[in-house]
Amino acid sequence: ELKSFFSEGIKKKDGQIVSSNVVKNELKDLVYSEDKSNPYNDEQLTIKLNKLGYIIARRTITKYREFLKIPVSRLRKI
């Protein structure tokens, strides 16, 4: 399908629209840099991304996390 060539857009607080791939990379960076003894849950990841200027919902974070095959916080705990 034609839509497979395009990614979704996420709006930032300054009005700029960025690709969802940018947000997914930010999400990966947050997860890989977190404290492994106390990993972030989806709500905390949402707050962190909102502070970075992205307007994004928790359910979207969950969808992206599952897409990236990142387990839930309790399974990432060491």
N, C-alpha and C. Protein backbone atom coordinates (compact mmCIF):
# COMPACT_ATOMS: atom_id res chain seq x y z
N GLU A 1 0.82 -1.18 0.00
CA GLU A 1 0.00 0.00 0.00
C GLU A 1 0.87 1.25 0.00
N LEU A 2 0.33 2.30 -0.52
CA LEU A 2 1.06 3.57 -0.60
C LEU A 2 1.40 4.12 0.78
N LYS A 3 0.52 3.91 1.75
CA LYS A 3 0.76 4.47 3.08
C LYS A 3 1.97 3.83 3.77
N SER A 4 2.43 2.67 3.28
CA SER A 4 3.60 2.03 3.89
C SER A 4 4.88 2.83 3.65
N PHE A 5 4.87 3.76 2.71
CA PHE A 5 6.03 4.59 2.42
C PHE A 5 6.13 5.82 3.33
N PHE A 6 5.09 6.07 4.12
CA PHE A 6 5.05 7.25 4.98
C PHE A 6 4.88 6.84 6.43
N SER A 7 5.42 7.65 7.33
CA SER A 7 5.23 7.38 8.76
C SER A 7 4.27 8.42 9.33
N GLU A 8 3.76 8.10 10.51
CA GLU A 8 2.85 9.02 11.18
C GLU A 8 3.62 10.26 11.63
N GLY A 9 2.90 11.30 11.94
CA GLY A 9 3.53 12.50 12.46
C GLY A 9 3.10 12.76 13.89
N ILE A 10 4.01 13.29 14.68
CA ILE A 10 3.74 13.65 16.07
C ILE A 10 3.98 15.15 16.20
N LYS A 11 3.04 15.83 16.83
CA LYS A 11 3.17 17.27 16.99
C LYS A 11 3.97 17.60 18.24
N LYS A 12 4.83 18.58 18.12
CA LYS A 12 5.60 19.06 19.26
C LYS A 12 4.90 20.29 19.84
N LYS A 13 5.30 20.68 21.02
CA LYS A 13 4.68 21.83 21.70
C LYS A 13 4.88 23.12 20.93
N ASP A 14 5.96 23.21 20.15
CA ASP A 14 6.21 24.43 19.37
C ASP A 14 5.46 24.44 18.03
N GLY A 15 4.63 23.41 17.78
CA GLY A 15 3.84 23.34 16.56
C GLY A 15 4.48 22.55 15.44
N GLN A 16 5.75 22.24 15.59
CA GLN A 16 6.46 21.46 14.58
C GLN A 16 5.94 20.02 14.58
N ILE A 17 5.85 19.42 13.40
CA ILE A 17 5.44 18.03 13.30
C ILE A 17 6.67 17.20 12.92
N VAL A 18 6.92 16.15 13.72
CA VAL A 18 8.06 15.28 13.46
C VAL A 18 7.56 13.87 13.18
N SER A 19 8.39 13.11 12.54
CA SER A 19 8.06 11.73 12.20
C SER A 19 7.96 10.88 13.47
N SER A 20 7.11 9.88 13.43
CA SER A 20 7.02 8.97 14.58
C SER A 20 8.32 8.21 14.76
N ASN A 21 9.11 8.08 13.71
CA ASN A 21 10.40 7.41 13.83
C ASN A 21 11.34 8.17 14.75
N VAL A 22 11.24 9.49 14.75
CA VAL A 22 12.05 10.31 15.65
C VAL A 22 11.67 10.02 17.09
N VAL A 23 10.38 9.93 17.35
CA VAL A 23 9.88 9.65 18.70
C VAL A 23 10.29 8.24 19.13
N LYS A 24 10.22 7.30 18.22
CA LYS A 24 10.62 5.92 18.54
C LYS A 24 12.10 5.87 18.90
N ASN A 25 12.93 6.64 18.20
CA ASN A 25 14.36 6.68 18.54
C ASN A 25 14.58 7.30 19.91
N GLU A 26 13.83 8.36 20.22
CA GLU A 26 13.92 8.98 21.55
C GLU A 26 13.50 7.98 22.63
N LEU A 27 12.45 7.22 22.35
CA LEU A 27 11.96 6.21 23.28
C LEU A 27 13.03 5.14 23.52
N LYS A 28 13.66 4.68 22.46
CA LYS A 28 14.74 3.70 22.58
C LYS A 28 15.88 4.25 23.44
N ASP A 29 16.25 5.50 23.18
CA ASP A 29 17.34 6.13 23.94
C ASP A 29 17.00 6.21 25.43
N LEU A 30 15.75 6.57 25.74
CA LEU A 30 15.34 6.65 27.13
C LEU A 30 15.40 5.29 27.82
N VAL A 31 14.93 4.27 27.13
CA VAL A 31 14.91 2.92 27.72
C VAL A 31 16.33 2.39 27.92
N TYR A 32 17.19 2.61 26.94
CA TYR A 32 18.55 2.08 27.06
C TYR A 32 19.41 2.86 28.05
N SER A 33 19.03 4.09 28.37
CA SER A 33 19.81 4.87 29.33
C SER A 33 19.21 4.86 30.73
N GLU A 34 18.09 4.15 30.92
CA GLU A 34 17.43 4.14 32.23
C GLU A 34 18.22 3.31 33.24
N ASP A 35 17.90 3.51 34.50
CA ASP A 35 18.47 2.71 35.58
C ASP A 35 17.83 1.33 35.52
N LYS A 36 18.63 0.31 35.26
CA LYS A 36 18.09 -1.05 35.05
C LYS A 36 17.49 -1.66 36.31
N SER A 37 17.84 -1.12 37.49
CA SER A 37 17.23 -1.64 38.71
C SER A 37 15.87 -0.98 38.98
N ASN A 38 15.60 0.13 38.29
CA ASN A 38 14.32 0.82 38.45
C ASN A 38 13.90 1.40 37.10
N PRO A 39 13.49 0.53 36.15
CA PRO A 39 13.15 1.01 34.81
C PRO A 39 11.87 1.84 34.79
N TYR A 40 11.76 2.67 33.75
CA TYR A 40 10.58 3.54 33.59
C TYR A 40 9.39 2.72 33.11
N ASN A 41 8.21 3.01 33.67
CA ASN A 41 6.99 2.43 33.11
C ASN A 41 6.48 3.35 32.00
N ASP A 42 5.41 2.96 31.34
CA ASP A 42 4.92 3.73 30.19
C ASP A 42 4.50 5.15 30.58
N GLU A 43 3.94 5.31 31.76
CA GLU A 43 3.53 6.63 32.22
C GLU A 43 4.75 7.54 32.41
N GLN A 44 5.80 7.00 33.01
CA GLN A 44 7.02 7.78 33.22
C GLN A 44 7.69 8.13 31.88
N LEU A 45 7.65 7.19 30.93
CA LEU A 45 8.20 7.47 29.60
C LEU A 45 7.42 8.58 28.91
N THR A 46 6.10 8.57 29.10
CA THR A 46 5.25 9.62 28.53
C THR A 46 5.62 10.98 29.10
N ILE A 47 5.81 11.04 30.41
CA ILE A 47 6.18 12.30 31.07
C ILE A 47 7.53 12.79 30.55
N LYS A 48 8.49 11.88 30.43
CA LYS A 48 9.82 12.27 29.93
C LYS A 48 9.74 12.82 28.51
N LEU A 49 8.98 12.15 27.63
CA LEU A 49 8.85 12.62 26.24
C LEU A 49 8.08 13.93 26.17
N ASN A 50 7.10 14.11 27.05
CA ASN A 50 6.37 15.39 27.10
C ASN A 50 7.31 16.52 27.50
N LYS A 51 8.24 16.24 28.43
CA LYS A 51 9.22 17.25 28.84
C LYS A 51 10.18 17.59 27.70
N LEU A 52 10.40 16.62 26.80
CA LEU A 52 11.25 16.87 25.64
C LEU A 52 10.51 17.65 24.54
N GLY A 53 9.20 17.89 24.77
CA GLY A 53 8.45 18.73 23.84
C GLY A 53 7.48 17.99 22.94
N TYR A 54 7.37 16.68 23.08
CA TYR A 54 6.45 15.90 22.25
C TYR A 54 5.08 15.83 22.91
N ILE A 55 4.03 16.02 22.12
CA ILE A 55 2.66 15.87 22.63
C ILE A 55 2.24 14.45 22.27
N ILE A 56 2.27 13.57 23.27
CA ILE A 56 2.05 12.15 23.01
C ILE A 56 1.34 11.52 24.20
N ALA A 57 0.47 10.57 23.92
CA ALA A 57 -0.31 9.90 24.96
C ALA A 57 0.38 8.61 25.40
N ARG A 58 0.04 8.15 26.59
CA ARG A 58 0.61 6.93 27.13
C ARG A 58 0.32 5.73 26.24
N ARG A 59 -0.89 5.65 25.70
CA ARG A 59 -1.24 4.50 24.85
C ARG A 59 -0.40 4.48 23.58
N THR A 60 0.03 5.65 23.11
CA THR A 60 0.90 5.71 21.94
C THR A 60 2.29 5.22 22.31
N ILE A 61 2.75 5.57 23.50
CA ILE A 61 4.04 5.07 23.99
C ILE A 61 4.00 3.55 24.07
N THR A 62 2.91 3.01 24.59
CA THR A 62 2.75 1.56 24.69
C THR A 62 2.80 0.92 23.30
N LYS A 63 2.12 1.53 22.35
CA LYS A 63 2.11 1.00 20.98
C LYS A 63 3.52 1.02 20.38
N TYR A 64 4.23 2.11 20.56
CA TYR A 64 5.59 2.22 20.03
C TYR A 64 6.54 1.25 20.73
N ARG A 65 6.39 1.11 22.05
CA ARG A 65 7.24 0.20 22.81
C ARG A 65 7.05 -1.24 22.33
N GLU A 66 5.79 -1.63 22.11
CA GLU A 66 5.50 -2.97 21.60
C GLU A 66 6.03 -3.14 20.18
N PHE A 67 5.91 -2.12 19.35
CA PHE A 67 6.43 -2.17 17.99
C PHE A 67 7.95 -2.39 17.98
N LEU A 68 8.64 -1.74 18.93
CA LEU A 68 10.09 -1.85 19.04
C LEU A 68 10.53 -3.11 19.79
N LYS A 69 9.54 -3.91 20.23
CA LYS A 69 9.80 -5.14 20.97
C LYS A 69 10.57 -4.89 22.27
N ILE A 70 10.22 -3.79 22.93
CA ILE A 70 10.78 -3.46 24.24
C ILE A 70 9.80 -3.99 25.28
N PRO A 71 10.24 -4.86 26.18
CA PRO A 71 9.32 -5.41 27.18
C PRO A 71 8.85 -4.37 28.18
N VAL A 72 7.80 -4.72 28.93
CA VAL A 72 7.28 -3.83 29.97
C VAL A 72 8.34 -3.64 31.05
N SER A 73 8.17 -2.63 31.87
CA SER A 73 9.21 -2.26 32.85
C SER A 73 9.56 -3.39 33.81
N ARG A 74 8.59 -4.14 34.26
CA ARG A 74 8.89 -5.21 35.23
C ARG A 74 9.74 -6.31 34.62
N LEU A 75 9.66 -6.50 33.30
CA LEU A 75 10.48 -7.51 32.64
C LEU A 75 11.87 -6.97 32.26
N ARG A 76 12.03 -5.64 32.29
CA ARG A 76 13.34 -5.03 32.01
C ARG A 76 14.17 -4.89 33.29
N LYS A 77 13.56 -5.17 34.41
CA LYS A 77 14.23 -5.00 35.71
C LYS A 77 15.30 -6.08 35.89
N ILE A 78 16.44 -5.65 36.41
CA ILE A 78 17.53 -6.61 36.65
C ILE A 78 17.48 -7.08 38.09
